[in-house]
Amino acid sequence: MAKLILDKMAMQRALTRITYEIVEKNKGVSNLVLIGIKTRGIFLAKRIADRLRQLENVDVPVGTLDITNYRDDVEHDSLSTDVKIANSEINFSIEGKRVILVDDVLYTGRTVRAALSAVMDIGRPSSINLAVLVDRGHRELPIRADFVGKNIPSSQKEKIKVYVSEIDDKDAVEIIK
């Protein structure tokens, strides 16, 4: 049984609020880059970049990060960094940049841990912040988001499903019991 938590308008408001918070915390957008974690984090990062363009009249670079080979539940010790990040698209330097990692749901923290390792293999940013549409709790690692669209307390039996129109033909967040 699915229950609607955020509809299209609520998602837009949450992303707009995150965008304003990013501008405020970073005192503008200079030296800022966005990196979306595959899959839905990419589309959310692009939407935040669009809002930053509207607000600040600046194009903030957006990259995509595939953390599959950085997961701690996959054997990957012998893979080179080039192989690990092969499906990522970051066509700009992150050296000295303020990186905002963007993901749809923060749950255990393991995806973010993998993303941090991948980013550090790519370069050395001046800072890394995390923006998520939904924080559902249940952390296994000491990771927290800097920018949160909505906190949704959930049980471990429940699932949070984020839909983005780019691939799901609708914008919504549901909790599935």
C-alpha atoms as a PDB file:
ATOM      1  CA  MET A   1       0.000   0.000   0.000  1.00  0.00           C
ATOM      2  CA  ALA A   2       1.480   3.333  -1.099  1.00  0.00           C
ATOM      3  CA  LYS A   3       0.789   6.687   0.531  1.00  0.00           C
ATOM      4  CA  LEU A   4       1.606   9.940  -1.265  1.00  0.00           C
ATOM      5  CA  ILE A   5       4.024  12.042   0.793  1.00  0.00           C
ATOM      6  CA  LEU A   6       5.018  14.719  -1.750  1.00  0.00           C
ATOM      7  CA  ASP A   7       3.187  15.608  -4.937  1.00  0.00           C
ATOM      8  CA  LYS A   8       4.704  17.504  -7.880  1.00  0.00           C
ATOM      9  CA  MET A   9       4.192  20.954  -6.320  1.00  0.00           C
ATOM     10  CA  ALA A  10       5.568  19.883  -2.937  1.00  0.00           C
ATOM     11  CA  MET A  11       8.660  18.443  -4.654  1.00  0.00           C
ATOM     12  CA  GLN A  12       9.165  21.714  -6.533  1.00  0.00           C
ATOM     13  CA  ARG A  13       8.864  23.715  -3.312  1.00  0.00           C
ATOM     14  CA  ALA A  14      11.317  21.420  -1.529  1.00  0.00           C
ATOM     15  CA  LEU A  15      13.880  21.727  -4.344  1.00  0.00           C
ATOM     16  CA  THR A  16      13.413  25.507  -4.437  1.00  0.00           C
ATOM     17  CA  ARG A  17      13.996  25.702  -0.674  1.00  0.00           C
ATOM     18  CA  ILE A  18      17.134  23.533  -1.008  1.00  0.00           C
ATOM     19  CA  THR A  19      18.360  25.856  -3.771  1.00  0.00           C
ATOM     20  CA  TYR A  20      17.920  28.956  -1.606  1.00  0.00           C
ATOM     21  CA  GLU A  21      19.669  27.214   1.298  1.00  0.00           C
ATOM     22  CA  ILE A  22      22.615  26.285  -0.958  1.00  0.00           C
ATOM     23  CA  VAL A  23      22.965  29.920  -2.092  1.00  0.00           C
ATOM     24  CA  GLU A  24      22.688  31.187   1.475  1.00  0.00           C
ATOM     25  CA  LYS A  25      25.153  28.716   2.999  1.00  0.00           C
ATOM     26  CA  ASN A  26      27.695  29.232   0.209  1.00  0.00           C
ATOM     27  CA  LYS A  27      27.171  33.024   0.039  1.00  0.00           C
ATOM     28  CA  GLY A  28      26.387  32.713  -3.655  1.00  0.00           C
ATOM     29  CA  VAL A  29      27.345  30.148  -6.264  1.00  0.00           C
ATOM     30  CA  SER A  30      30.943  30.969  -7.156  1.00  0.00           C
ATOM     31  CA  ASN A  31      33.202  27.905  -7.176  1.00  0.00           C
ATOM     32  CA  LEU A  32      30.136  25.645  -6.773  1.00  0.00           C
ATOM     33  CA  VAL A  33      29.495  22.379  -8.632  1.00  0.00           C
ATOM     34  CA  LEU A  34      26.638  19.886  -8.357  1.00  0.00           C
ATOM     35  CA  ILE A  35      27.127  16.131  -8.629  1.00  0.00           C
ATOM     36  CA  GLY A  36      24.026  13.952  -8.867  1.00  0.00           C
ATOM     37  CA  ILE A  37      24.235  10.362  -7.655  1.00  0.00           C
ATOM     38  CA  LYS A  38      22.758   7.943 -10.192  1.00  0.00           C
ATOM     39  CA  THR A  39      19.970   7.583 -10.914  1.00  0.00           C
ATOM     40  CA  ARG A  40      17.405  10.013  -9.543  1.00  0.00           C
ATOM     41  CA  GLY A  41      19.955  12.286  -7.889  1.00  0.00           C
ATOM     42  CA  ILE A  42      21.108  13.311 -11.371  1.00  0.00           C
ATOM     43  CA  PHE A  43      17.699  14.695 -12.304  1.00  0.00           C
ATOM     44  CA  LEU A  44      17.334  16.448  -8.956  1.00  0.00           C
ATOM     45  CA  ALA A  45      20.798  18.017  -9.391  1.00  0.00           C
ATOM     46  CA  LYS A  46      19.817  19.290 -12.845  1.00  0.00           C
ATOM     47  CA  ARG A  47      16.632  20.812 -11.418  1.00  0.00           C
ATOM     48  CA  ILE A  48      18.611  22.557  -8.675  1.00  0.00           C
ATOM     49  CA  ALA A  49      21.038  23.849 -11.327  1.00  0.00           C
ATOM     50  CA  ASP A  50      18.067  25.213 -13.316  1.00  0.00           C
ATOM     51  CA  ARG A  51      16.800  27.043 -10.224  1.00  0.00           C
ATOM     52  CA  LEU A  52      20.290  28.402  -9.499  1.00  0.00           C
ATOM     53  CA  ARG A  53      20.388  29.737 -13.073  1.00  0.00           C
ATOM     54  CA  GLN A  54      17.030  31.458 -12.513  1.00  0.00           C
ATOM     55  CA  LEU A  55      18.060  32.921  -9.143  1.00  0.00           C
ATOM     56  CA  GLU A  56      21.706  33.796  -9.690  1.00  0.00           C
ATOM     57  CA  ASN A  57      21.916  33.959 -13.504  1.00  0.00           C
ATOM     58  CA  VAL A  58      24.890  31.569 -13.414  1.00  0.00           C
ATOM     59  CA  ASP A  59      25.316  28.141 -14.964  1.00  0.00           C
ATOM     60  CA  VAL A  60      26.575  25.815 -12.226  1.00  0.00           C
ATOM     61  CA  PRO A  61      28.281  22.703 -13.633  1.00  0.00           C
ATOM     62  CA  VAL A  62      26.418  19.434 -13.060  1.00  0.00           C
ATOM     63  CA  GLY A  63      28.091  16.032 -13.092  1.00  0.00           C
ATOM     64  CA  THR A  64      26.797  12.499 -12.675  1.00  0.00           C
ATOM     65  CA  LEU A  65      28.283   9.939 -10.335  1.00  0.00           C
ATOM     66  CA  ASP A  66      27.839   6.175 -10.542  1.00  0.00           C
ATOM     67  CA  ILE A  67      28.902   4.684  -7.196  1.00  0.00           C
ATOM     68  CA  THR A  68      28.179   1.047  -8.101  1.00  0.00           C
ATOM     69  CA  ASN A  69      31.838   0.014  -7.923  1.00  0.00           C
ATOM     70  CA  TYR A  70      32.371   1.884  -4.646  1.00  0.00           C
ATOM     71  CA  ARG A  71      29.649   0.085  -2.718  1.00  0.00           C
ATOM     72  CA  ASP A  72      30.903  -1.834   0.298  1.00  0.00           C
ATOM     73  CA  ASP A  73      28.668  -4.790  -0.559  1.00  0.00           C
ATOM     74  CA  VAL A  74      30.420  -5.368  -3.911  1.00  0.00           C
ATOM     75  CA  GLU A  75      33.921  -6.838  -4.309  1.00  0.00           C
ATOM     76  CA  HIS A  76      36.051  -4.218  -6.062  1.00  0.00           C
ATOM     77  CA  ASP A  77      39.517  -4.115  -4.494  1.00  0.00           C
ATOM     78  CA  SER A  78      41.307  -4.912  -7.750  1.00  0.00           C
ATOM     79  CA  LEU A  79      39.496  -2.335  -9.892  1.00  0.00           C
ATOM     80  CA  SER A  80      41.397   0.759 -10.973  1.00  0.00           C
ATOM     81  CA  THR A  81      39.930   4.190 -10.274  1.00  0.00           C
ATOM     82  CA  ASP A  82      39.254   4.630 -14.010  1.00  0.00           C
ATOM     83  CA  VAL A  83      37.152   1.451 -14.046  1.00  0.00           C
ATOM     84  CA  LYS A  84      35.373   2.377 -10.811  1.00  0.00           C
ATOM     85  CA  ILE A  85      34.170   5.742 -12.134  1.00  0.00           C
ATOM     86  CA  ALA A  86      33.716   4.659 -15.774  1.00  0.00           C
ATOM     87  CA  ASN A  87      29.959   5.343 -15.830  1.00  0.00           C
ATOM     88  CA  SER A  88      30.288   8.749 -14.172  1.00  0.00           C
ATOM     89  CA  GLU A  89      30.269  11.983 -16.158  1.00  0.00           C
ATOM     90  CA  ILE A  90      32.129  14.790 -14.467  1.00  0.00           C
ATOM     91  CA  ASN A  91      33.496  16.925 -17.285  1.00  0.00           C
ATOM     92  CA  PHE A  92      34.995  19.623 -15.065  1.00  0.00           C
ATOM     93  CA  SER A  93      37.651  19.862 -12.397  1.00  0.00           C
ATOM     94  CA  ILE A  94      36.508  19.556  -8.804  1.00  0.00           C
ATOM     95  CA  GLU A  95      39.884  20.687  -7.426  1.00  0.00           C
ATOM     96  CA  GLY A  96      39.222  23.381  -4.846  1.00  0.00           C
ATOM     97  CA  LYS A  97      35.507  23.497  -5.700  1.00  0.00           C
ATOM     98  CA  ARG A  98      32.566  23.417  -3.328  1.00  0.00           C
ATOM     99  CA  VAL A  99      30.821  20.179  -4.270  1.00  0.00           C
ATOM    100  CA  ILE A 100      27.154  19.578  -3.543  1.00  0.00           C
ATOM    101  CA  LEU A 101      26.327  15.866  -3.790  1.00  0.00           C
ATOM    102  CA  VAL A 102      22.654  15.381  -4.651  1.00  0.00           C
ATOM    103  CA  ASP A 103      20.640  12.225  -4.012  1.00  0.00           C
ATOM    104  CA  ASP A 104      16.974  11.357  -3.755  1.00  0.00           C
ATOM    105  CA  VAL A 105      16.833   9.488  -0.419  1.00  0.00           C
ATOM    106  CA  LEU A 106      19.218   9.347   2.533  1.00  0.00           C
ATOM    107  CA  TYR A 107      18.748   6.104   4.429  1.00  0.00           C
ATOM    108  CA  THR A 108      21.669   4.100   5.864  1.00  0.00           C
ATOM    109  CA  GLY A 109      24.377   6.449   4.582  1.00  0.00           C
ATOM    110  CA  ARG A 110      26.183   3.751   2.599  1.00  0.00           C
ATOM    111  CA  THR A 111      25.467   5.326  -0.797  1.00  0.00           C
ATOM    112  CA  VAL A 112      26.849   8.646   0.438  1.00  0.00           C
ATOM    113  CA  ARG A 113      29.947   6.941   1.880  1.00  0.00           C
ATOM    114  CA  ALA A 114      30.564   5.366  -1.533  1.00  0.00           C
ATOM    115  CA  ALA A 115      29.987   8.722  -3.258  1.00  0.00           C
ATOM    116  CA  LEU A 116      32.491  10.446  -0.970  1.00  0.00           C
ATOM    117  CA  SER A 117      35.131   7.839  -1.846  1.00  0.00           C
ATOM    118  CA  ALA A 118      34.424   8.279  -5.556  1.00  0.00           C
ATOM    119  CA  VAL A 119      34.624  12.074  -5.363  1.00  0.00           C
ATOM    120  CA  MET A 120      37.937  11.908  -3.506  1.00  0.00           C
ATOM    121  CA  ASP A 121      39.311   9.596  -6.213  1.00  0.00           C
ATOM    122  CA  ILE A 122      38.372  12.207  -8.825  1.00  0.00           C
ATOM    123  CA  GLY A 123      39.928  15.194  -7.072  1.00  0.00           C
ATOM    124  CA  ARG A 124      40.190  17.238  -3.913  1.00  0.00           C
ATOM    125  CA  PRO A 125      37.348  19.715  -3.497  1.00  0.00           C
ATOM    126  CA  SER A 126      37.494  22.463  -0.874  1.00  0.00           C
ATOM    127  CA  SER A 127      34.260  21.113   0.640  1.00  0.00           C
ATOM    128  CA  ILE A 128      31.529  18.551   0.061  1.00  0.00           C
ATOM    129  CA  ASN A 129      27.930  19.058   1.154  1.00  0.00           C
ATOM    130  CA  LEU A 130      24.972  16.726   0.768  1.00  0.00           C
ATOM    131  CA  ALA A 131      21.522  17.655  -0.536  1.00  0.00           C
ATOM    132  CA  VAL A 132      18.724  15.080  -0.427  1.00  0.00           C
ATOM    133  CA  LEU A 133      15.069  15.278  -1.289  1.00  0.00           C
ATOM    134  CA  VAL A 134      14.118  12.857   1.513  1.00  0.00           C
ATOM    135  CA  ASP A 135      15.849  11.907   4.767  1.00  0.00           C
ATOM    136  CA  ARG A 136      14.184   8.824   6.197  1.00  0.00           C
ATOM    137  CA  GLY A 137      16.519   8.113   9.123  1.00  0.00           C
ATOM    138  CA  HIS A 138      17.969   4.699  10.069  1.00  0.00           C
ATOM    139  CA  ARG A 139      21.624   5.660   9.595  1.00  0.00           C
ATOM    140  CA  GLU A 140      24.271   2.950   9.808  1.00  0.00           C
ATOM    141  CA  LEU A 141      27.086   5.465   9.321  1.00  0.00           C
ATOM    142  CA  PRO A 142      27.650   8.916  10.876  1.00  0.00           C
ATOM    143  CA  ILE A 143      26.391  10.845   7.839  1.00  0.00           C
ATOM    144  CA  ARG A 144      23.865  13.673   7.726  1.00  0.00           C
ATOM    145  CA  ALA A 145      22.504  15.841   4.961  1.00  0.00           C
ATOM    146  CA  ASP A 146      23.240  19.563   4.863  1.00  0.00           C
ATOM    147  CA  PHE A 147      20.137  20.301   2.766  1.00  0.00           C
ATOM    148  CA  VAL A 148      16.942  18.268   3.190  1.00  0.00           C
ATOM    149  CA  GLY A 149      13.708  18.614   1.249  1.00  0.00           C
ATOM    150  CA  LYS A 150      11.643  16.597   3.732  1.00  0.00           C
ATOM    151  CA  ASN A 151      12.311  14.410   6.750  1.00  0.00           C
ATOM    152  CA  ILE A 152      10.104  11.332   6.554  1.00  0.00           C
ATOM    153  CA  PRO A 153      10.375   9.107   9.617  1.00  0.00           C
ATOM    154  CA  SER A 154       9.779   5.551   8.481  1.00  0.00           C
ATOM    155  CA  SER A 155      10.084   2.030   9.751  1.00  0.00           C
ATOM    156  CA  GLN A 156      12.709  -0.265   8.295  1.00  0.00           C
ATOM    157  CA  LYS A 157       9.898  -2.345   6.767  1.00  0.00           C
ATOM    158  CA  GLU A 158       8.671   0.628   4.741  1.00  0.00           C
ATOM    159  CA  LYS A 159      10.182   1.857   1.489  1.00  0.00           C
ATOM    160  CA  ILE A 160      10.394   5.394   0.170  1.00  0.00           C
ATOM    161  CA  LYS A 161       9.899   5.684  -3.587  1.00  0.00           C
ATOM    162  CA  VAL A 162      10.871   8.868  -5.416  1.00  0.00           C
ATOM    163  CA  TYR A 163       9.444   9.385  -8.881  1.00  0.00           C
ATOM    164  CA  VAL A 164      10.907  11.933 -11.295  1.00  0.00           C
ATOM    165  CA  SER A 165       9.132  12.827 -14.513  1.00  0.00           C
ATOM    166  CA  GLU A 166      12.297  12.407 -16.598  1.00  0.00           C
ATOM    167  CA  ILE A 167      12.170   8.618 -16.154  1.00  0.00           C
ATOM    168  CA  ASP A 168       8.964   7.834 -14.256  1.00  0.00           C
ATOM    169  CA  ASP A 169       6.509  10.151 -16.092  1.00  0.00           C
ATOM    170  CA  LYS A 170       5.492  11.782 -12.803  1.00  0.00           C
ATOM    171  CA  ASP A 171       6.937  13.700  -9.862  1.00  0.00           C
ATOM    172  CA  ALA A 172       6.030  12.268  -6.477  1.00  0.00           C
ATOM    173  CA  VAL A 173       7.336  10.712  -3.285  1.00  0.00           C
ATOM    174  CA  GLU A 174       5.484   7.775  -1.768  1.00  0.00           C
ATOM    175  CA  ILE A 175       5.950   5.662   1.304  1.00  0.00           C
ATOM    176  CA  ILE A 176       5.196   2.010   0.657  1.00  0.00           C
ATOM    177  CA  LYS A 177       4.139  -0.155   3.591  1.00  0.00           C
END
